[in-house]
Amino acid sequence: MPIDPISWAIIIGSFLAGAAVGYFWDEIKEWASRMLGYILDAVNIAIELTSDATVYLVKKGARFYKRIEVFVRNRYSNMTTLKYREEEVAEVPAEVEEQFKRNDKVKVMQQAT
């Protein structure tokens, strides 16, 4: 049974591709190593170090917000930035509410003198 032309084309193409890869193998390895180095350098630039998170309860008008702050330092450039997120708190804990009332009285007494 003879082999059809498409099968011959696949066989010859595979042979030529294998020969080309074998002939250029050192250049292919060098190129792949260089590209991997570029990729790792790009990842290294993007790495950021973070500090421990600090959580605050902030009052703005009649609303309360939970504010989370983290200092972030880029490992490559050593630039530090402050990143934060605020979320509205539906219900303030009772002990925090008492602290607000106590601090409010102190402020009123300070303003009166």
PDB file of N, CA and C in Angstrom:
ATOM      1  N   MET A   1       0.846  -1.173   0.000  1.00  0.00           N
ATOM      2  CA  MET A   1       0.000   0.000   0.000  1.00  0.00           C
ATOM      3  C   MET A   1       0.895   1.241   0.000  1.00  0.00           C
ATOM      4  N   PRO A   2       0.761   2.098  -1.013  1.00  0.00           N
ATOM      5  CA  PRO A   2       1.629   3.276  -1.110  1.00  0.00           C
ATOM      6  C   PRO A   2       1.227   4.356  -0.089  1.00  0.00           C
ATOM      7  N   ILE A   3       2.185   5.189   0.261  1.00  0.00           N
ATOM      8  CA  ILE A   3       1.941   6.298   1.200  1.00  0.00           C
ATOM      9  C   ILE A   3       1.475   7.501   0.391  1.00  0.00           C
ATOM     10  N   ASP A   4       0.404   8.131   0.850  1.00  0.00           N
ATOM     11  CA  ASP A   4      -0.146   9.277   0.122  1.00  0.00           C
ATOM     12  C   ASP A   4       0.774  10.501   0.272  1.00  0.00           C
ATOM     13  N   PRO A   5       0.614  11.499  -0.603  1.00  0.00           N
ATOM     14  CA  PRO A   5       1.514  12.666  -0.595  1.00  0.00           C
ATOM     15  C   PRO A   5       1.462  13.470   0.716  1.00  0.00           C
ATOM     16  N   ILE A   6       0.319  13.538   1.370  1.00  0.00           N
ATOM     17  CA  ILE A   6       0.222  14.295   2.627  1.00  0.00           C
ATOM     18  C   ILE A   6       1.082  13.631   3.696  1.00  0.00           C
ATOM     19  N   SER A   7       1.042  12.328   3.783  1.00  0.00           N
ATOM     20  CA  SER A   7       1.875  11.624   4.762  1.00  0.00           C
ATOM     21  C   SER A   7       3.351  11.842   4.464  1.00  0.00           C
ATOM     22  N   TRP A   8       3.730  11.798   3.159  1.00  0.00           N
ATOM     23  CA  TRP A   8       5.123  12.062   2.799  1.00  0.00           C
ATOM     24  C   TRP A   8       5.524  13.481   3.232  1.00  0.00           C
ATOM     25  N   ALA A   9       4.652  14.449   3.032  1.00  0.00           N
ATOM     26  CA  ALA A   9       4.952  15.838   3.398  1.00  0.00           C
ATOM     27  C   ALA A   9       5.154  15.953   4.912  1.00  0.00           C
ATOM     28  N   ILE A  10       4.324  15.254   5.688  1.00  0.00           N
ATOM     29  CA  ILE A  10       4.459  15.288   7.148  1.00  0.00           C
ATOM     30  C   ILE A  10       5.768  14.631   7.574  1.00  0.00           C
ATOM     31  N   ILE A  11       6.110  13.505   6.989  1.00  0.00           N
ATOM     32  CA  ILE A  11       7.341  12.790   7.342  1.00  0.00           C
ATOM     33  C   ILE A  11       8.566  13.629   6.987  1.00  0.00           C
ATOM     34  N   ILE A  12       8.599  14.168   5.756  1.00  0.00           N
ATOM     35  CA  ILE A  12       9.745  14.975   5.327  1.00  0.00           C
ATOM     36  C   ILE A  12       9.836  16.260   6.144  1.00  0.00           C
ATOM     37  N   GLY A  13       8.681  16.894   6.406  1.00  0.00           N
ATOM     38  CA  GLY A  13       8.665  18.119   7.219  1.00  0.00           C
ATOM     39  C   GLY A  13       9.177  17.857   8.629  1.00  0.00           C
ATOM     40  N   SER A  14       8.784  16.747   9.228  1.00  0.00           N
ATOM     41  CA  SER A  14       9.257  16.390  10.568  1.00  0.00           C
ATOM     42  C   SER A  14      10.760  16.153  10.563  1.00  0.00           C
ATOM     43  N   PHE A  15      11.233  15.455   9.538  1.00  0.00           N
ATOM     44  CA  PHE A  15      12.669  15.200   9.430  1.00  0.00           C
ATOM     45  C   PHE A  15      13.449  16.511   9.297  1.00  0.00           C
ATOM     46  N   LEU A  16      12.975  17.414   8.441  1.00  0.00           N
ATOM     47  CA  LEU A  16      13.659  18.698   8.243  1.00  0.00           C
ATOM     48  C   LEU A  16      13.611  19.560   9.506  1.00  0.00           C
ATOM     49  N   ALA A  17      12.464  19.563  10.188  1.00  0.00           N
ATOM     50  CA  ALA A  17      12.353  20.335  11.426  1.00  0.00           C
ATOM     51  C   ALA A  17      13.299  19.782  12.480  1.00  0.00           C
ATOM     52  N   GLY A  18      13.372  18.457  12.592  1.00  0.00           N
ATOM     53  CA  GLY A  18      14.303  17.843  13.544  1.00  0.00           C
ATOM     54  C   GLY A  18      15.743  18.165  13.208  1.00  0.00           C
ATOM     55  N   ALA A  19      16.097  18.134  11.921  1.00  0.00           N
ATOM     56  CA  ALA A  19      17.458  18.470  11.511  1.00  0.00           C
ATOM     57  C   ALA A  19      17.773  19.931  11.802  1.00  0.00           C
ATOM     58  N   ALA A  20      16.807  20.827  11.560  1.00  0.00           N
ATOM     59  CA  ALA A  20      17.016  22.250  11.822  1.00  0.00           C
ATOM     60  C   ALA A  20      17.197  22.509  13.312  1.00  0.00           C
ATOM     61  N   VAL A  21      16.380  21.860  14.131  1.00  0.00           N
ATOM     62  CA  VAL A  21      16.512  22.026  15.586  1.00  0.00           C
ATOM     63  C   VAL A  21      17.872  21.509  16.037  1.00  0.00           C
ATOM     64  N   GLY A  22      18.295  20.365  15.521  1.00  0.00           N
ATOM     65  CA  GLY A  22      19.600  19.827  15.884  1.00  0.00           C
ATOM     66  C   GLY A  22      20.743  20.735  15.462  1.00  0.00           C
ATOM     67  N   TYR A  23      20.641  21.310  14.277  1.00  0.00           N
ATOM     68  CA  TYR A  23      21.698  22.177  13.766  1.00  0.00           C
ATOM     69  C   TYR A  23      21.785  23.482  14.562  1.00  0.00           C
ATOM     70  N   PHE A  24      20.599  24.063  14.920  1.00  0.00           N
ATOM     71  CA  PHE A  24      20.563  25.348  15.623  1.00  0.00           C
ATOM     72  C   PHE A  24      20.369  25.193  17.129  1.00  0.00           C
ATOM     73  N   TRP A  25      20.604  24.020  17.698  1.00  0.00           N
ATOM     74  CA  TRP A  25      20.287  23.759  19.100  1.00  0.00           C
ATOM     75  C   TRP A  25      21.019  24.706  20.050  1.00  0.00           C
ATOM     76  N   ASP A  26      22.279  24.985  19.827  1.00  0.00           N
ATOM     77  CA  ASP A  26      23.023  25.892  20.713  1.00  0.00           C
ATOM     78  C   ASP A  26      22.434  27.299  20.685  1.00  0.00           C
ATOM     79  N   GLU A  27      22.068  27.781  19.499  1.00  0.00           N
ATOM     80  CA  GLU A  27      21.454  29.109  19.405  1.00  0.00           C
ATOM     81  C   GLU A  27      20.080  29.128  20.076  1.00  0.00           C
ATOM     82  N   ILE A  28      19.338  28.043  19.933  1.00  0.00           N
ATOM     83  CA  ILE A  28      18.012  27.963  20.557  1.00  0.00           C
ATOM     84  C   ILE A  28      18.155  27.993  22.078  1.00  0.00           C
ATOM     85  N   LYS A  29      19.119  27.241  22.623  1.00  0.00           N
ATOM     86  CA  LYS A  29      19.333  27.235  24.076  1.00  0.00           C
ATOM     87  C   LYS A  29      19.748  28.612  24.570  1.00  0.00           C
ATOM     88  N   GLU A  30      20.630  29.269  23.845  1.00  0.00           N
ATOM     89  CA  GLU A  30      21.090  30.603  24.246  1.00  0.00           C
ATOM     90  C   GLU A  30      19.929  31.610  24.222  1.00  0.00           C
ATOM     91  N   TRP A  31      19.113  31.545  23.174  1.00  0.00           N
ATOM     92  CA  TRP A  31      17.952  32.440  23.069  1.00  0.00           C
ATOM     93  C   TRP A  31      16.962  32.171  24.204  1.00  0.00           C
ATOM     94  N   ALA A  32      16.683  30.906  24.495  1.00  0.00           N
ATOM     95  CA  ALA A  32      15.737  30.559  25.558  1.00  0.00           C
ATOM     96  C   ALA A  32      16.261  31.021  26.917  1.00  0.00           C
ATOM     97  N   SER A  33      17.556  30.880  27.163  1.00  0.00           N
ATOM     98  CA  SER A  33      18.142  31.348  28.426  1.00  0.00           C
ATOM     99  C   SER A  33      18.031  32.866  28.547  1.00  0.00           C
ATOM    100  N   ARG A  34      18.287  33.581  27.461  1.00  0.00           N
ATOM    101  CA  ARG A  34      18.187  35.043  27.473  1.00  0.00           C
ATOM    102  C   ARG A  34      16.744  35.483  27.741  1.00  0.00           C
ATOM    103  N   MET A  35      15.772  34.831  27.086  1.00  0.00           N
ATOM    104  CA  MET A  35      14.360  35.180  27.286  1.00  0.00           C
ATOM    105  C   MET A  35      13.919  34.884  28.725  1.00  0.00           C
ATOM    106  N   LEU A  36      14.380  33.762  29.281  1.00  0.00           N
ATOM    107  CA  LEU A  36      14.053  33.432  30.664  1.00  0.00           C
ATOM    108  C   LEU A  36      14.635  34.475  31.615  1.00  0.00           C
ATOM    109  N   GLY A  37      15.842  34.956  31.320  1.00  0.00           N
ATOM    110  CA  GLY A  37      16.436  36.030  32.121  1.00  0.00           C
ATOM    111  C   GLY A  37      15.607  37.297  32.070  1.00  0.00           C
ATOM    112  N   TYR A  38      15.109  37.669  30.877  1.00  0.00           N
ATOM    113  CA  TYR A  38      14.252  38.855  30.749  1.00  0.00           C
ATOM    114  C   TYR A  38      12.973  38.696  31.556  1.00  0.00           C
ATOM    115  N   ILE A  39      12.393  37.508  31.506  1.00  0.00           N
ATOM    116  CA  ILE A  39      11.150  37.255  32.248  1.00  0.00           C
ATOM    117  C   ILE A  39      11.396  37.359  33.743  1.00  0.00           C
ATOM    118  N   LEU A  40      12.477  36.758  34.236  1.00  0.00           N
ATOM    119  CA  LEU A  40      12.783  36.818  35.673  1.00  0.00           C
ATOM    120  C   LEU A  40      13.094  38.239  36.118  1.00  0.00           C
ATOM    121  N   ASP A  41      13.771  39.026  35.276  1.00  0.00           N
ATOM    122  CA  ASP A  41      14.020  40.433  35.609  1.00  0.00           C
ATOM    123  C   ASP A  41      12.714  41.201  35.727  1.00  0.00           C
ATOM    124  N   ALA A  42      11.777  40.948  34.828  1.00  0.00           N
ATOM    125  CA  ALA A  42      10.477  41.634  34.879  1.00  0.00           C
ATOM    126  C   ALA A  42       9.710  41.245  36.134  1.00  0.00           C
ATOM    127  N   VAL A  43       9.782  39.983  36.530  1.00  0.00           N
ATOM    128  CA  VAL A  43       9.108  39.545  37.756  1.00  0.00           C
ATOM    129  C   VAL A  43       9.771  40.181  38.966  1.00  0.00           C
ATOM    130  N   ASN A  44      11.091  40.257  38.981  1.00  0.00           N
ATOM    131  CA  ASN A  44      11.816  40.834  40.109  1.00  0.00           C
ATOM    132  C   ASN A  44      11.456  42.301  40.302  1.00  0.00           C
ATOM    133  N   ILE A  45      11.249  43.026  39.200  1.00  0.00           N
ATOM    134  CA  ILE A  45      10.862  44.438  39.301  1.00  0.00           C
ATOM    135  C   ILE A  45       9.485  44.581  39.940  1.00  0.00           C
ATOM    136  N   ALA A  46       8.606  43.616  39.711  1.00  0.00           N
ATOM    137  CA  ALA A  46       7.235  43.714  40.200  1.00  0.00           C
ATOM    138  C   ALA A  46       7.067  43.252  41.643  1.00  0.00           C
ATOM    139  N   ILE A  47       8.079  42.664  42.262  1.00  0.00           N
ATOM    140  CA  ILE A  47       7.943  42.164  43.636  1.00  0.00           C
ATOM    141  C   ILE A  47       7.885  43.338  44.602  1.00  0.00           C
ATOM    142  N   GLU A  48       6.905  43.296  45.504  1.00  0.00           N
ATOM    143  CA  GLU A  48       6.752  44.340  46.504  1.00  0.00           C
ATOM    144  C   GLU A  48       6.719  43.714  47.889  1.00  0.00           C
ATOM    145  N   LEU A  49       7.349  44.387  48.840  1.00  0.00           N
ATOM    146  CA  LEU A  49       7.363  43.953  50.230  1.00  0.00           C
ATOM    147  C   LEU A  49       6.320  44.761  50.984  1.00  0.00           C
ATOM    148  N   THR A  50       5.637  44.150  51.942  1.00  0.00           N
ATOM    149  CA  THR A  50       4.585  44.850  52.685  1.00  0.00           C
ATOM    150  C   THR A  50       4.884  44.840  54.174  1.00  0.00           C
ATOM    151  N   SER A  51       4.426  45.892  54.844  1.00  0.00           N
ATOM    152  CA  SER A  51       4.529  45.961  56.292  1.00  0.00           C
ATOM    153  C   SER A  51       3.310  45.279  56.908  1.00  0.00           C
ATOM    154  N   ASP A  52       3.294  45.215  58.216  1.00  0.00           N
ATOM    155  CA  ASP A  52       2.104  44.710  58.895  1.00  0.00           C
ATOM    156  C   ASP A  52       0.971  45.714  58.702  1.00  0.00           C
ATOM    157  N   ALA A  53      -0.231  45.209  58.631  1.00  0.00           N
ATOM    158  CA  ALA A  53      -1.399  46.076  58.424  1.00  0.00           C
ATOM    159  C   ALA A  53      -1.777  46.767  59.729  1.00  0.00           C
ATOM    160  N   THR A  54      -2.184  48.028  59.612  1.00  0.00           N
ATOM    161  CA  THR A  54      -2.685  48.795  60.745  1.00  0.00           C
ATOM    162  C   THR A  54      -4.153  49.092  60.479  1.00  0.00           C
ATOM    163  N   VAL A  55      -4.996  48.824  61.477  1.00  0.00           N
ATOM    164  CA  VAL A  55      -6.438  48.990  61.311  1.00  0.00           C
ATOM    165  C   VAL A  55      -6.901  50.136  62.200  1.00  0.00           C
ATOM    166  N   TYR A  56      -7.676  51.042  61.624  1.00  0.00           N
ATOM    167  CA  TYR A  56      -8.241  52.179  62.354  1.00  0.00           C
ATOM    168  C   TYR A  56      -9.753  52.150  62.224  1.00  0.00           C
ATOM    169  N   LEU A  57     -10.426  52.725  63.208  1.00  0.00           N
ATOM    170  CA  LEU A  57     -11.851  52.984  63.111  1.00  0.00           C
ATOM    171  C   LEU A  57     -11.999  54.486  62.948  1.00  0.00           C
ATOM    172  N   VAL A  58     -12.529  54.918  61.817  1.00  0.00           N
ATOM    173  CA  VAL A  58     -12.602  56.338  61.473  1.00  0.00           C
ATOM    174  C   VAL A  58     -14.058  56.765  61.461  1.00  0.00           C
ATOM    175  N   LYS A  59     -14.318  57.940  62.044  1.00  0.00           N
ATOM    176  CA  LYS A  59     -15.671  58.491  62.035  1.00  0.00           C
ATOM    177  C   LYS A  59     -15.689  59.681  61.095  1.00  0.00           C
ATOM    178  N   LYS A  60     -16.567  59.612  60.096  1.00  0.00           N
ATOM    179  CA  LYS A  60     -16.768  60.719  59.155  1.00  0.00           C
ATOM    180  C   LYS A  60     -18.238  61.085  59.211  1.00  0.00           C
ATOM    181  N   GLY A  61     -18.516  62.186  59.867  1.00  0.00           N
ATOM    182  CA  GLY A  61     -19.914  62.574  60.048  1.00  0.00           C
ATOM    183  C   GLY A  61     -20.600  61.573  60.952  1.00  0.00           C
ATOM    184  N   ALA A  62     -21.686  60.997  60.471  1.00  0.00           N
ATOM    185  CA  ALA A  62     -22.421  60.003  61.264  1.00  0.00           C
ATOM    186  C   ALA A  62     -22.026  58.580  60.888  1.00  0.00           C
ATOM    187  N   ARG A  63     -21.104  58.425  59.950  1.00  0.00           N
ATOM    188  CA  ARG A  63     -20.727  57.090  59.479  1.00  0.00           C
ATOM    189  C   ARG A  63     -19.376  56.667  60.057  1.00  0.00           C
ATOM    190  N   PHE A  64     -19.202  55.372  60.207  1.00  0.00           N
ATOM    191  CA  PHE A  64     -17.958  54.798  60.691  1.00  0.00           C
ATOM    192  C   PHE A  64     -17.342  53.938  59.598  1.00  0.00           C
ATOM    193  N   TYR A  65     -16.031  54.031  59.490  1.00  0.00           N
ATOM    194  CA  TYR A  65     -15.306  53.277  58.481  1.00  0.00           C
ATOM    195  C   TYR A  65     -14.155  52.527  59.136  1.00  0.00           C
ATOM    196  N   LYS A  66     -13.906  51.333  58.628  1.00  0.00           N
ATOM    197  CA  LYS A  66     -12.725  50.576  59.022  1.00  0.00           C
ATOM    198  C   LYS A  66     -11.674  50.877  57.955  1.00  0.00           C
ATOM    199  N   ARG A  67     -10.542  51.444  58.385  1.00  0.00           N
ATOM    200  CA  ARG A  67      -9.473  51.804  57.454  1.00  0.00           C
ATOM    201  C   ARG A  67      -8.274  50.905  57.724  1.00  0.00           C
ATOM    202  N   ILE A  68      -7.825  50.232  56.694  1.00  0.00           N
ATOM    203  CA  ILE A  68      -6.684  49.335  56.786  1.00  0.00           C
ATOM    204  C   ILE A  68      -5.550  49.956  55.982  1.00  0.00           C
ATOM    205  N   GLU A  69      -4.391  50.173  56.636  1.00  0.00           N
ATOM    206  CA  GLU A  69      -3.242  50.787  55.974  1.00  0.00           C
ATOM    207  C   GLU A  69      -2.074  49.816  55.949  1.00  0.00           C
ATOM    208  N   VAL A  70      -1.371  49.790  54.817  1.00  0.00           N
ATOM    209  CA  VAL A  70      -0.190  48.952  54.653  1.00  0.00           C
ATOM    210  C   VAL A  70       0.854  49.763  53.888  1.00  0.00           C
ATOM    211  N   PHE A  71       2.078  49.769  54.391  1.00  0.00           N
ATOM    212  CA  PHE A  71       3.176  50.375  53.645  1.00  0.00           C
ATOM    213  C   PHE A  71       3.738  49.321  52.691  1.00  0.00           C
ATOM    214  N   VAL A  72       3.969  49.737  51.445  1.00  0.00           N
ATOM    215  CA  VAL A  72       4.446  48.826  50.408  1.00  0.00           C
ATOM    216  C   VAL A  72       5.743  49.386  49.831  1.00  0.00           C
ATOM    217  N   ARG A  73       6.767  48.540  49.795  1.00  0.00           N
ATOM    218  CA  ARG A  73       8.058  48.955  49.222  1.00  0.00           C
ATOM    219  C   ARG A  73       8.380  48.072  48.028  1.00  0.00           C
ATOM    220  N   ASN A  74       8.683  48.726  46.904  1.00  0.00           N
ATOM    221  CA  ASN A  74       9.105  47.994  45.718  1.00  0.00           C
ATOM    222  C   ASN A  74      10.527  47.512  45.939  1.00  0.00           C
ATOM    223  N   ARG A  75      10.749  46.244  45.737  1.00  0.00           N
ATOM    224  CA  ARG A  75      12.050  45.640  46.020  1.00  0.00           C
ATOM    225  C   ARG A  75      13.122  46.141  45.062  1.00  0.00           C
ATOM    226  N   TYR A  76      12.756  46.468  43.865  1.00  0.00           N
ATOM    227  CA  TYR A  76      13.720  46.880  42.844  1.00  0.00           C
ATOM    228  C   TYR A  76      14.107  48.353  42.985  1.00  0.00           C
ATOM    229  N   SER A  77      13.115  49.225  43.159  1.00  0.00           N
ATOM    230  CA  SER A  77      13.374  50.666  43.187  1.00  0.00           C
ATOM    231  C   SER A  77      13.476  51.244  44.596  1.00  0.00           C
ATOM    232  N   ASN A  78      13.115  50.482  45.628  1.00  0.00           N
ATOM    233  CA  ASN A  78      13.113  50.926  47.034  1.00  0.00           C
ATOM    234  C   ASN A  78      12.149  52.082  47.291  1.00  0.00           C
ATOM    235  N   MET A  79      11.187  52.326  46.427  1.00  0.00           N
ATOM    236  CA  MET A  79      10.180  53.362  46.670  1.00  0.00           C
ATOM    237  C   MET A  79       9.100  52.795  47.569  1.00  0.00           C
ATOM    238  N   THR A  80       8.711  53.573  48.581  1.00  0.00           N
ATOM    239  CA  THR A  80       7.701  53.142  49.542  1.00  0.00           C
ATOM    240  C   THR A  80       6.439  53.968  49.350  1.00  0.00           C
ATOM    241  N   THR A  81       5.297  53.293  49.335  1.00  0.00           N
ATOM    242  CA  THR A  81       4.014  53.974  49.226  1.00  0.00           C
ATOM    243  C   THR A  81       3.080  53.446  50.302  1.00  0.00           C
ATOM    244  N   LEU A  82       2.078  54.244  50.632  1.00  0.00           N
ATOM    245  CA  LEU A  82       1.060  53.847  51.592  1.00  0.00           C
ATOM    246  C   LEU A  82      -0.193  53.472  50.818  1.00  0.00           C
ATOM    247  N   LYS A  83      -0.668  52.267  51.032  1.00  0.00           N
ATOM    248  CA  LYS A  83      -1.903  51.836  50.385  1.00  0.00           C
ATOM    249  C   LYS A  83      -2.925  51.565  51.480  1.00  0.00           C
ATOM    250  N   TYR A  84      -4.164  51.960  51.204  1.00  0.00           N
ATOM    251  CA  TYR A  84      -5.205  51.758  52.215  1.00  0.00           C
ATOM    252  C   TYR A  84      -6.511  51.407  51.547  1.00  0.00           C
ATOM    253  N   ARG A  85      -7.396  50.878  52.373  1.00  0.00           N
ATOM    254  CA  ARG A  85      -8.749  50.544  51.932  1.00  0.00           C
ATOM    255  C   ARG A  85      -9.687  50.899  53.066  1.00  0.00           C
ATOM    256  N   GLU A  86     -10.790  51.524  52.713  1.00  0.00           N
ATOM    257  CA  GLU A  86     -11.809  51.866  53.713  1.00  0.00           C
ATOM    258  C   GLU A  86     -13.087  51.105  53.406  1.00  0.00           C
ATOM    259  N   GLU A  87     -13.682  50.573  54.463  1.00  0.00           N
ATOM    260  CA  GLU A  87     -14.964  49.883  54.354  1.00  0.00           C
ATOM    261  C   GLU A  87     -15.894  50.446  55.414  1.00  0.00           C
ATOM    262  N   GLU A  88     -17.112  50.700  55.029  1.00  0.00           N
ATOM    263  CA  GLU A  88     -18.078  51.225  55.994  1.00  0.00           C
ATOM    264  C   GLU A  88     -18.472  50.131  56.975  1.00  0.00           C
ATOM    265  N   VAL A  89     -18.545  50.525  58.239  1.00  0.00           N
ATOM    266  CA  VAL A  89     -18.920  49.600  59.301  1.00  0.00           C
ATOM    267  C   VAL A  89     -20.374  49.867  59.651  1.00  0.00           C
ATOM    268  N   ALA A  90     -21.195  48.821  59.598  1.00  0.00           N
ATOM    269  CA  ALA A  90     -22.621  48.992  59.864  1.00  0.00           C
ATOM    270  C   ALA A  90     -22.888  49.234  61.338  1.00  0.00           C
ATOM    271  N   GLU A  91     -22.186  48.512  62.208  1.00  0.00           N
ATOM    272  CA  GLU A  91     -22.446  48.629  63.643  1.00  0.00           C
ATOM    273  C   GLU A  91     -21.123  48.735  64.381  1.00  0.00           C
ATOM    274  N   VAL A  92     -21.003  49.776  65.224  1.00  0.00           N
ATOM    275  CA  VAL A  92     -19.787  49.996  65.997  1.00  0.00           C
ATOM    276  C   VAL A  92     -19.901  49.215  67.305  1.00  0.00           C
ATOM    277  N   PRO A  93     -18.825  48.526  67.736  1.00  0.00           N
ATOM    278  CA  PRO A  93     -18.873  47.796  69.006  1.00  0.00           C
ATOM    279  C   PRO A  93     -19.163  48.735  70.179  1.00  0.00           C
ATOM    280  N   ALA A  94     -19.787  48.206  71.213  1.00  0.00           N
ATOM    281  CA  ALA A  94     -20.218  49.014  72.359  1.00  0.00           C
ATOM    282  C   ALA A  94     -19.039  49.668  73.076  1.00  0.00           C
ATOM    283  N   GLU A  95     -17.933  48.950  73.263  1.00  0.00           N
ATOM    284  CA  GLU A  95     -16.795  49.545  73.974  1.00  0.00           C
ATOM    285  C   GLU A  95     -16.164  50.685  73.180  1.00  0.00           C
ATOM    286  N   VAL A  96     -16.203  50.604  71.856  1.00  0.00           N
ATOM    287  CA  VAL A  96     -15.679  51.697  71.034  1.00  0.00           C
ATOM    288  C   VAL A  96     -16.615  52.898  71.126  1.00  0.00           C
ATOM    289  N   GLU A  97     -17.891  52.641  71.144  1.00  0.00           N
ATOM    290  CA  GLU A  97     -18.868  53.735  71.293  1.00  0.00           C
ATOM    291  C   GLU A  97     -18.672  54.460  72.623  1.00  0.00           C
ATOM    292  N   GLU A  98     -18.380  53.702  73.675  1.00  0.00           N
ATOM    293  CA  GLU A  98     -18.115  54.326  74.986  1.00  0.00           C
ATOM    294  C   GLU A  98     -16.850  55.169  74.938  1.00  0.00           C
ATOM    295  N   GLN A  99     -15.826  54.715  74.238  1.00  0.00           N
ATOM    296  CA  GLN A  99     -14.604  55.505  74.087  1.00  0.00           C
ATOM    297  C   GLN A  99     -14.894  56.816  73.364  1.00  0.00           C
ATOM    298  N   PHE A 100     -15.732  56.760  72.341  1.00  0.00           N
ATOM    299  CA  PHE A 100     -16.098  57.986  71.630  1.00  0.00           C
ATOM    300  C   PHE A 100     -16.796  58.971  72.571  1.00  0.00           C
ATOM    301  N   LYS A 101     -17.726  58.477  73.365  1.00  0.00           N
ATOM    302  CA  LYS A 101     -18.450  59.354  74.295  1.00  0.00           C
ATOM    303  C   LYS A 101     -17.501  59.953  75.324  1.00  0.00           C
ATOM    304  N   ARG A 102     -16.593  59.141  75.870  1.00  0.00           N
ATOM    305  CA  ARG A 102     -15.648  59.617  76.876  1.00  0.00           C
ATOM    306  C   ARG A 102     -14.718  60.669  76.267  1.00  0.00           C
ATOM    307  N   ASN A 103     -14.196  60.429  75.075  1.00  0.00           N
ATOM    308  CA  ASN A 103     -13.312  61.396  74.424  1.00  0.00           C
ATOM    309  C   ASN A 103     -14.058  62.668  74.039  1.00  0.00           C
ATOM    310  N   ASP A 104     -15.327  62.555  73.689  1.00  0.00           N
ATOM    311  CA  ASP A 104     -16.125  63.724  73.354  1.00  0.00           C
ATOM    312  C   ASP A 104     -16.310  64.606  74.584  1.00  0.00           C
ATOM    313  N   LYS A 105     -16.532  63.997  75.744  1.00  0.00           N
ATOM    314  CA  LYS A 105     -16.673  64.772  76.993  1.00  0.00           C
ATOM    315  C   LYS A 105     -15.375  65.487  77.333  1.00  0.00           C
ATOM    316  N   VAL A 106     -14.239  64.830  77.120  1.00  0.00           N
ATOM    317  CA  VAL A 106     -12.951  65.460  77.400  1.00  0.00           C
ATOM    318  C   VAL A 106     -12.766  66.668  76.491  1.00  0.00           C
ATOM    319  N   LYS A 107     -13.104  66.565  75.235  1.00  0.00           N
ATOM    320  CA  LYS A 107     -12.976  67.691  74.324  1.00  0.00           C
ATOM    321  C   LYS A 107     -13.878  68.854  74.742  1.00  0.00           C
ATOM    322  N   VAL A 108     -15.105  68.531  75.163  1.00  0.00           N
ATOM    323  CA  VAL A 108     -16.019  69.586  75.601  1.00  0.00           C
ATOM    324  C   VAL A 108     -15.454  70.279  76.825  1.00  0.00           C
ATOM    325  N   MET A 109     -14.882  69.524  77.765  1.00  0.00           N
ATOM    326  CA  MET A 109     -14.310  70.121  78.964  1.00  0.00           C
ATOM    327  C   MET A 109     -13.086  70.969  78.615  1.00  0.00           C
ATOM    328  N   GLN A 110     -12.279  70.548  77.654  1.00  0.00           N
ATOM    329  CA  GLN A 110     -11.114  71.312  77.259  1.00  0.00           C
ATOM    330  C   GLN A 110     -11.514  72.620  76.581  1.00  0.00           C
ATOM    331  N   GLN A 111     -12.583  72.580  75.798  1.00  0.00           N
ATOM    332  CA  GLN A 111     -13.026  73.783  75.109  1.00  0.00           C
ATOM    333  C   GLN A 111     -13.652  74.776  76.081  1.00  0.00           C
ATOM    334  N   ALA A 112     -14.231  74.277  77.164  1.00  0.00           N
ATOM    335  CA  ALA A 112     -14.894  75.146  78.134  1.00  0.00           C
ATOM    336  C   ALA A 112     -13.886  75.937  78.963  1.00  0.00           C
ATOM    337  N   THR A 113     -12.685  75.417  79.149  1.00  0.00           N
ATOM    338  CA  THR A 113     -11.711  76.130  79.981  1.00  0.00           C
ATOM    339  C   THR A 113     -10.925  77.155  79.219  1.00  0.00           C
TER     340      THR A 113
END
